[in-house]
């Protein structure tokens, strides 16, 4: 026995087995204690409650939902709502962040000042406080009867923003959005991946022209075939009684969440992009000027691609953090995934199961975001190591 303990490999294995065993034992104790307490309170464990009707309404849903729908359907609604807010917010935050970051490194004094003011204001005010501000501003808009249509198609009211909509089925809308997203992804893949570096410039240019045409034709066909019978393709909101009818209503809760997350995220992304631009050596731009390239070509062909490669790992962390920030919607009554889980816990009492679902779904979504962007990072990163002395 003494000789075994003197063996380093045996000692290491013993310590590891003891550590893992203690964790497993601790989890078993937690599980048994929770099971005992639930049984004492008459609460059944398991996921059978997912087939029961919720009995409550959800004010915003991209899929069909009613008070007689099950908890499983309510959870699906929450997940889709969170994905919807997160997807739009990340896109807007990225576009605005890139713009502000470029302004801060443009060399133009006024643009740099505006960018600095934007970052210093919105980065240093808590996200929740910004959400309350935008929500209060949106619900303070005039009532529908006192509002005039903007461009004869958009109404800005305290009950929401009404915009023109399409009379198509939800399945057609989802399919068209999926095709459009796939189209953008394919174009980025052709443009930036090393796989197409060996392809001639003319062929690559042709692909970048043909792919959008094919995608737009496919989207138009889906919209046309998915039109609801006996209706016009486009419906414009109009005032009827005390509110606007038809069109698409964007609720103040949804709009406040998107604006707050987009602007707050853009203030951080702008600083990340600024750091990326500053990390690109001046010699790169000087070489472009020596070759006779314009400032726009130097920005789009030299500085921007190199900056994206530099900041991509940091951007991945920022995207994951911003998606987790979608849970702030509960503060203004927007029904996201977190709010659905919270309401379900109060109604069903299945706390452990629902918290497990909450953790598992967020883990899956955030891991998927990180995995996808890491694949993008692997596709665009420069090979080899560059030593600068």
Protein backbone atom coordinates (compact mmCIF):
# COMPACT_ATOMS: atom_id res chain seq x y z
CA UNK A 1 0.00 0.00 0.00
CA UNK A 2 2.82 2.39 0.89
CA UNK A 3 4.58 1.65 -2.38
CA UNK A 4 1.39 2.47 -4.31
CA UNK A 5 1.01 5.83 -2.56
CA UNK A 6 4.58 6.69 -3.49
CA UNK A 7 3.68 6.21 -7.16
CA UNK A 8 2.82 9.65 -8.65
CA UNK A 9 0.50 8.24 -11.30
CA UNK A 10 -1.51 6.31 -8.69
CA UNK A 11 -1.75 9.38 -6.46
CA UNK A 12 -2.98 11.54 -9.36
CA UNK A 13 -5.62 8.99 -10.38
CA UNK A 14 -6.76 8.60 -6.76
CA UNK A 15 -7.14 12.36 -6.32
CA UNK A 16 -9.09 12.71 -9.57
CA UNK A 17 -11.41 9.81 -8.75
CA UNK A 18 -11.99 11.24 -5.25
CA UNK A 19 -12.77 14.69 -6.65
CA UNK A 20 -15.19 13.42 -9.30
CA UNK A 21 -16.78 11.02 -6.80
CA UNK A 22 -17.37 13.81 -4.28
CA UNK A 23 -19.09 15.93 -6.94
CA UNK A 24 -21.32 13.02 -8.00
CA UNK A 25 -22.13 12.29 -4.33
CA UNK A 26 -22.99 15.97 -3.74
CA UNK A 27 -25.30 16.01 -6.78
CA UNK A 28 -27.02 12.84 -5.58
CA UNK A 29 -27.60 14.41 -2.16
CA UNK A 30 -29.07 17.53 -3.81
CA UNK A 31 -31.32 15.40 -6.02
CA UNK A 32 -32.58 13.22 -3.16
CA UNK A 33 -33.21 16.27 -0.94
CA UNK A 34 -35.11 18.08 -3.71
CA UNK A 35 -37.16 14.95 -4.46
CA UNK A 36 -38.04 14.56 -0.79
CA UNK A 37 -39.10 18.20 -0.42
CA UNK A 38 -41.21 18.08 -3.59
CA UNK A 39 -42.96 14.91 -2.45
CA UNK A 40 -43.65 16.50 0.94
CA UNK A 41 -45.35 19.46 -0.79
CA UNK A 42 -47.34 17.20 -3.11
CA UNK A 43 -45.53 18.44 -6.23
CA UNK A 44 -44.91 15.77 -8.85
CA UNK A 45 -41.59 15.89 -10.64
CA UNK A 46 -40.99 15.20 -14.31
CA UNK A 47 -41.94 16.85 -17.59
CA UNK A 48 -45.51 15.61 -17.90
CA UNK A 49 -46.78 19.13 -17.20
CA UNK A 50 -45.61 20.22 -20.68
CA UNK A 51 -48.75 18.62 -22.15
CA UNK A 52 -51.11 20.58 -19.87
CA UNK A 53 -52.89 23.77 -21.01
CA UNK A 54 -51.44 27.00 -19.69
CA UNK A 55 -54.68 28.97 -19.34
CA UNK A 56 -52.99 32.33 -19.99
CA UNK A 57 -52.50 34.50 -23.04
CA UNK A 58 -49.31 35.78 -24.67
CA UNK A 59 -49.52 39.25 -26.21
CA UNK A 60 -46.84 38.69 -28.86
CA UNK A 61 -46.29 35.42 -30.72
CA UNK A 62 -44.85 34.56 -34.11
CA UNK A 63 -46.63 31.19 -34.09
CA UNK A 64 -50.20 30.24 -33.29
CA UNK A 65 -50.92 30.34 -29.56
CA UNK A 66 -54.05 30.51 -27.35
CA UNK A 67 -55.00 30.10 -23.72
CA UNK A 68 -55.73 26.42 -24.39
CA UNK A 69 -52.21 25.81 -25.75
CA UNK A 70 -49.79 23.66 -23.79
CA UNK A 71 -46.76 24.67 -21.76
CA UNK A 72 -44.61 23.15 -24.48
CA UNK A 73 -46.13 25.54 -27.04
CA UNK A 74 -45.67 28.49 -24.67
CA UNK A 75 -42.01 27.62 -24.25
CA UNK A 76 -41.62 27.43 -28.05
CA UNK A 77 -43.20 30.88 -28.31
CA UNK A 78 -40.74 32.25 -25.75
CA UNK A 79 -37.73 30.74 -27.52
CA UNK A 80 -38.82 32.08 -30.92
CA UNK A 81 -39.51 35.53 -29.46
CA UNK A 82 -36.06 35.66 -27.85
CA UNK A 83 -34.40 34.49 -31.07
CA UNK A 84 -36.37 37.11 -33.02
CA UNK A 85 -35.30 39.97 -30.73
CA UNK A 86 -31.73 38.72 -30.51
CA UNK A 87 -31.35 38.28 -34.28
CA UNK A 88 -32.62 41.77 -35.11
CA UNK A 89 -30.73 43.42 -32.25
CA UNK A 90 -27.41 41.77 -33.13
CA UNK A 91 -27.69 42.85 -36.76
CA UNK A 92 -28.57 46.45 -35.89
CA UNK A 93 -25.90 46.61 -33.16
CA UNK A 94 -23.28 45.33 -35.61
CA UNK A 95 -24.19 47.79 -38.38
CA UNK A 96 -24.34 50.76 -36.00
CA UNK A 97 -21.22 49.65 -34.14
CA UNK A 98 -19.20 49.32 -37.35
CA UNK A 99 -20.37 52.76 -38.45
CA UNK A 100 -19.45 54.44 -35.15
CA UNK A 101 -16.14 52.57 -34.99
CA UNK A 102 -15.25 53.73 -38.51
CA UNK A 103 -16.24 57.30 -37.61
CA UNK A 104 -13.91 57.25 -34.59
CA UNK A 105 -10.93 56.32 -36.79
CA UNK A 106 -11.86 58.34 -39.87
CA UNK A 107 -9.53 61.27 -39.21
CA UNK A 108 -12.48 63.67 -39.48
CA UNK A 109 -12.72 65.74 -36.28
CA UNK A 110 -16.52 66.12 -36.30
CA UNK A 111 -17.13 62.42 -37.05
CA UNK A 112 -14.73 61.38 -34.30
CA UNK A 113 -16.43 63.72 -31.82
CA UNK A 114 -19.91 62.39 -32.64
CA UNK A 115 -18.67 58.81 -32.33
CA UNK A 116 -16.97 59.52 -29.00
CA UNK A 117 -20.10 61.19 -27.58
CA UNK A 118 -22.25 58.24 -28.68
CA UNK A 119 -19.95 55.69 -27.06
CA UNK A 120 -19.41 57.58 -23.82
CA UNK A 121 -23.14 58.16 -23.31
CA UNK A 122 -24.66 54.82 -24.20
CA UNK A 123 -21.84 52.63 -22.90
CA UNK A 124 -21.95 54.18 -19.43
CA UNK A 125 -25.74 54.13 -18.86
CA UNK A 126 -27.07 50.77 -17.59
CA UNK A 127 -28.94 48.75 -20.18
CA UNK A 128 -32.04 48.41 -18.00
CA UNK A 129 -32.22 52.18 -17.53
CA UNK A 130 -31.94 52.70 -21.28
CA UNK A 131 -34.77 50.20 -21.78
CA UNK A 132 -37.02 52.16 -19.41
CA UNK A 133 -36.14 55.40 -21.21
CA UNK A 134 -37.01 54.12 -24.68
CA UNK A 135 -40.15 52.42 -23.44
CA UNK A 136 -41.35 55.61 -21.70
CA UNK A 137 -40.61 57.57 -24.87
CA UNK A 138 -42.54 55.14 -27.08
CA UNK A 139 -45.65 54.97 -24.92
CA UNK A 140 -45.64 58.78 -24.74
CA UNK A 141 -46.27 59.09 -28.47
CA UNK A 142 -49.69 60.52 -29.47
CA UNK A 143 -52.79 58.36 -29.43
CA UNK A 144 -53.91 56.90 -32.79
CA UNK A 145 -56.60 59.52 -33.47
CA UNK A 146 -54.04 62.33 -33.08
CA UNK A 147 -51.48 60.66 -35.35
CA UNK A 148 -51.04 61.13 -39.07
CA UNK A 149 -49.56 58.49 -41.36
CA UNK A 150 -45.93 59.09 -42.30
CA UNK A 151 -45.39 58.58 -46.05
CA UNK A 152 -49.03 57.44 -46.12
CA UNK A 153 -48.02 54.06 -44.70
CA UNK A 154 -46.44 54.31 -41.21
CA UNK A 155 -48.18 55.37 -37.99
CA UNK A 156 -46.20 56.24 -34.85
CA UNK A 157 -48.56 55.91 -31.87
CA UNK A 158 -48.34 55.24 -28.17
CA UNK A 159 -50.01 51.88 -28.77
CA UNK A 160 -47.28 50.79 -31.15
CA UNK A 161 -45.79 51.49 -34.54
CA UNK A 162 -47.94 50.39 -37.47
CA UNK A 163 -46.19 49.59 -40.75
CA UNK A 164 -47.35 48.03 -44.05
CA UNK A 165 -47.51 44.24 -44.05
CA UNK A 166 -47.85 41.34 -46.45
CA UNK A 167 -50.96 39.17 -46.60
CA UNK A 168 -49.03 35.90 -46.56
CA UNK A 169 -49.12 32.87 -44.31
CA UNK A 170 -46.73 32.56 -41.36
CA UNK A 171 -45.11 29.52 -43.01
CA UNK A 172 -44.37 31.52 -46.16
CA UNK A 173 -42.95 34.41 -44.13
CA UNK A 174 -40.68 32.04 -42.19
CA UNK A 175 -39.53 30.33 -45.38
CA UNK A 176 -38.83 33.66 -47.12
CA UNK A 177 -36.82 34.90 -44.12
CA UNK A 178 -34.85 31.65 -44.04
CA UNK A 179 -34.03 31.87 -47.75
CA UNK A 180 -32.95 35.52 -47.38
CA UNK A 181 -30.71 34.65 -44.43
CA UNK A 182 -29.20 31.72 -46.34
CA UNK A 183 -28.61 34.00 -49.32
CA UNK A 184 -26.64 36.49 -47.21
CA UNK A 185 -24.63 33.67 -45.66
CA UNK A 186 -23.71 32.19 -49.05
CA UNK A 187 -22.63 35.60 -50.37
CA UNK A 188 -20.39 36.15 -47.34
CA UNK A 189 -18.99 32.63 -47.75
CA UNK A 190 -18.10 33.26 -51.40
CA UNK A 191 -16.65 36.68 -50.64
CA UNK A 192 -14.40 36.04 -47.65
CA UNK A 193 -13.45 32.36 -47.43
CA UNK A 194 -10.12 31.02 -48.66
CA UNK A 195 -11.93 28.33 -50.68
CA UNK A 196 -12.65 30.92 -53.40
CA UNK A 197 -9.22 32.58 -53.38
CA UNK A 198 -8.08 30.38 -56.27
CA UNK A 199 -11.20 31.26 -58.28
CA UNK A 200 -10.71 33.96 -60.91
CA UNK A 201 -11.91 37.43 -60.01
CA UNK A 202 -14.38 37.50 -62.91
CA UNK A 203 -15.98 34.21 -61.83
CA UNK A 204 -16.25 35.37 -58.23
CA UNK A 205 -17.81 38.62 -59.39
CA UNK A 206 -20.29 36.68 -61.53
CA UNK A 207 -21.25 34.46 -58.59
CA UNK A 208 -21.84 37.52 -56.39
CA UNK A 209 -24.20 38.87 -59.07
CA UNK A 210 -26.04 35.65 -59.87
CA UNK A 211 -26.62 34.46 -56.28
CA UNK A 212 -28.64 37.55 -55.21
CA UNK A 213 -30.79 37.33 -58.35
CA UNK A 214 -31.59 33.67 -57.71
CA UNK A 215 -32.31 34.40 -54.05
CA UNK A 216 -34.58 37.35 -54.80
CA UNK A 217 -36.51 35.32 -57.36
CA UNK A 218 -36.94 32.51 -54.82
CA UNK A 219 -38.12 34.93 -52.10
CA UNK A 220 -40.56 36.62 -54.52
CA UNK A 221 -41.95 33.23 -55.56
CA UNK A 222 -42.43 32.16 -51.93
CA UNK A 223 -44.23 35.41 -51.09
CA UNK A 224 -46.47 35.18 -54.16
CA UNK A 225 -47.38 31.52 -53.57
CA UNK A 226 -47.90 32.11 -49.85
CA UNK A 227 -50.39 34.96 -50.31
CA UNK A 228 -53.63 34.55 -48.41
CA UNK A 229 -56.44 33.95 -50.95
CA UNK A 230 -58.81 36.79 -51.85
CA UNK A 231 -56.55 39.47 -50.34
CA UNK A 232 -54.19 42.07 -51.75
CA UNK A 233 -50.50 41.30 -51.39
CA UNK A 234 -49.74 44.45 -49.37
CA UNK A 235 -51.98 45.86 -46.67
CA UNK A 236 -51.46 49.40 -45.38
CA UNK A 237 -52.62 50.44 -41.89
CA UNK A 238 -55.63 52.75 -41.73
CA UNK A 239 -57.45 54.47 -38.88
CA UNK A 240 -60.73 52.86 -37.85
CA UNK A 241 -62.39 53.97 -34.66
CA UNK A 242 -59.87 54.47 -31.87
CA UNK A 243 -57.00 52.52 -33.38
CA UNK A 244 -55.25 51.59 -36.62
CA UNK A 245 -56.24 48.42 -38.41
CA UNK A 246 -54.38 46.12 -40.81
CA UNK A 247 -50.64 46.37 -41.38
CA UNK A 248 -48.09 45.10 -38.86
CA UNK A 249 -48.13 46.42 -35.30
CA UNK A 250 -44.78 46.64 -33.55
CA UNK A 251 -45.55 46.86 -29.84
CA UNK A 252 -43.74 49.43 -27.67
CA UNK A 253 -42.32 46.58 -25.56
CA UNK A 254 -40.73 44.84 -28.55
CA UNK A 255 -39.45 48.06 -30.10
CA UNK A 256 -37.99 49.29 -26.79
CA UNK A 257 -36.08 46.01 -26.35
CA UNK A 258 -34.66 46.14 -29.88
CA UNK A 259 -33.62 49.81 -29.62
CA UNK A 260 -32.06 49.46 -26.17
CA UNK A 261 -30.08 46.30 -26.92
CA UNK A 262 -28.99 47.56 -30.36
CA UNK A 263 -27.71 50.93 -29.14
CA UNK A 264 -26.11 49.56 -25.98
CA UNK A 265 -24.43 46.76 -27.92
CA UNK A 266 -23.33 49.16 -30.66
CA UNK A 267 -21.46 51.31 -28.13
CA UNK A 268 -19.32 48.30 -27.15
CA UNK A 269 -18.93 46.98 -30.68
CA UNK A 270 -17.80 50.44 -31.81
CA UNK A 271 -14.91 50.33 -29.34
CA UNK A 272 -13.99 46.81 -30.43
CA UNK A 273 -13.98 47.91 -34.09
CA UNK A 274 -11.97 51.03 -33.26
CA UNK A 275 -9.35 48.86 -31.58
CA UNK A 276 -9.27 46.64 -34.66
CA UNK A 277 -8.74 49.58 -37.02
CA UNK A 278 -6.00 51.00 -34.79
CA UNK A 279 -4.27 47.60 -34.77
CA UNK A 280 -3.90 47.64 -38.56
CA UNK A 281 -0.45 48.96 -39.36
CA UNK A 282 -0.18 52.32 -41.07
CA UNK A 283 2.15 50.73 -43.58
CA UNK A 284 -0.80 48.79 -45.02
CA UNK A 285 -2.67 52.00 -45.88
CA UNK A 286 0.51 53.69 -47.13
CA UNK A 287 1.11 50.77 -49.46
CA UNK A 288 -2.42 51.20 -50.81
CA UNK A 289 -1.84 54.90 -51.44
CA UNK A 290 1.44 54.06 -53.19
CA UNK A 291 -0.47 51.73 -55.51
CA UNK A 292 -2.89 54.51 -56.37
CA UNK A 293 -5.92 53.13 -54.50
CA UNK A 294 -8.61 55.55 -53.37
CA UNK A 295 -9.45 56.03 -49.68
CA UNK A 296 -12.64 54.00 -50.11
CA UNK A 297 -10.77 51.09 -51.68
CA UNK A 298 -8.13 51.23 -48.96
CA UNK A 299 -10.89 51.09 -46.33
CA UNK A 300 -12.91 48.28 -47.92
CA UNK A 301 -10.05 46.18 -49.36
CA UNK A 302 -7.32 46.64 -46.72
CA UNK A 303 -8.30 48.15 -43.38
CA UNK A 304 -11.77 46.60 -42.92
CA UNK A 305 -10.84 42.97 -43.76
CA UNK A 306 -7.76 43.09 -41.53
CA UNK A 307 -9.70 44.73 -38.69
CA UNK A 308 -12.43 42.08 -38.86
CA UNK A 309 -9.84 39.31 -38.60
CA UNK A 310 -8.33 40.99 -35.55
CA UNK A 311 -11.55 41.63 -33.61
CA UNK A 312 -13.53 38.48 -34.46
CA UNK A 313 -12.69 36.56 -31.23
CA UNK A 314 -13.75 39.55 -29.11
CA UNK A 315 -16.89 40.04 -31.19
CA UNK A 316 -17.92 36.44 -30.51
CA UNK A 317 -17.93 37.11 -26.77
CA UNK A 318 -19.87 40.32 -27.31
CA UNK A 319 -22.54 38.58 -29.41
CA UNK A 320 -23.03 35.88 -26.77
CA UNK A 321 -23.37 38.55 -24.08
CA UNK A 322 -25.83 40.59 -26.12
CA UNK A 323 -28.09 37.62 -26.72
CA UNK A 324 -28.22 36.94 -23.00
CA UNK A 325 -29.27 40.58 -22.58
CA UNK A 326 -32.59 39.79 -24.32
CA UNK A 327 -33.90 38.68 -20.92
CA UNK A 328 -34.38 42.34 -19.96
CA UNK A 329 -37.69 42.30 -21.87
CA UNK A 330 -39.47 41.03 -18.75
CA UNK A 331 -38.93 44.48 -17.18
CA UNK A 332 -41.36 46.12 -19.64
CA UNK A 333 -43.70 43.17 -20.15
CA UNK A 334 -42.29 41.72 -23.37
CA UNK A 335 -42.95 37.98 -23.47
CA UNK A 336 -39.55 36.46 -24.11
CA UNK A 337 -38.21 33.04 -23.13
CA UNK A 338 -37.25 34.15 -19.63
CA UNK A 339 -40.71 35.61 -18.96
CA UNK A 340 -42.45 32.47 -20.23
CA UNK A 341 -40.35 30.33 -17.89
CA UNK A 342 -41.01 32.66 -14.95
CA UNK A 343 -44.76 32.63 -15.56
CA UNK A 344 -44.75 28.86 -16.05
CA UNK A 345 -42.98 28.38 -12.71
CA UNK A 346 -45.63 30.47 -10.94
CA UNK A 347 -48.48 28.62 -12.65
CA UNK A 348 -47.22 25.03 -12.57
CA UNK A 349 -44.81 24.90 -9.64
CA UNK A 350 -42.33 22.80 -11.67
CA UNK A 351 -39.38 24.97 -10.68
CA UNK A 352 -36.47 22.59 -11.15
CA UNK A 353 -37.66 21.29 -14.50
CA UNK A 354 -38.34 24.74 -15.93
CA UNK A 355 -35.07 26.20 -14.68
CA UNK A 356 -33.32 23.22 -16.25
CA UNK A 357 -35.08 23.95 -19.56
CA UNK A 358 -34.10 27.63 -19.27
CA UNK A 359 -30.44 26.81 -18.67
CA UNK A 360 -30.34 24.12 -21.36
CA UNK A 361 -31.88 26.29 -24.09
CA UNK A 362 -29.65 29.29 -23.37
CA UNK A 363 -26.63 27.00 -23.28
CA UNK A 364 -27.59 25.51 -26.66
CA UNK A 365 -28.28 28.88 -28.29
CA UNK A 366 -25.16 30.62 -27.00
CA UNK A 367 -22.97 27.62 -27.79
CA UNK A 368 -24.42 27.56 -31.33
CA UNK A 369 -23.64 31.27 -31.78
CA UNK A 370 -20.08 30.76 -30.55
CA UNK A 371 -19.58 27.62 -32.67
CA UNK A 372 -20.86 29.27 -35.85
CA UNK A 373 -18.77 32.42 -35.41
CA UNK A 374 -15.70 30.38 -34.52
CA UNK A 375 -16.13 28.56 -37.84
CA UNK A 376 -16.30 31.97 -39.55
CA UNK A 377 -13.16 33.01 -37.69
CA UNK A 378 -11.36 29.87 -38.85
CA UNK A 379 -12.44 30.57 -42.44
CA UNK A 380 -11.18 34.17 -42.58
CA UNK A 381 -8.10 34.12 -40.36
CA UNK A 382 -4.68 34.46 -41.96
CA UNK A 383 -2.54 31.33 -41.91
CA UNK A 384 0.89 31.26 -40.30
CA UNK A 385 2.50 33.56 -37.76
CA UNK A 386 3.74 37.04 -38.45
CA UNK A 387 6.51 38.30 -36.17
CA UNK A 388 6.93 42.07 -36.08
CA UNK A 389 10.11 43.43 -34.60
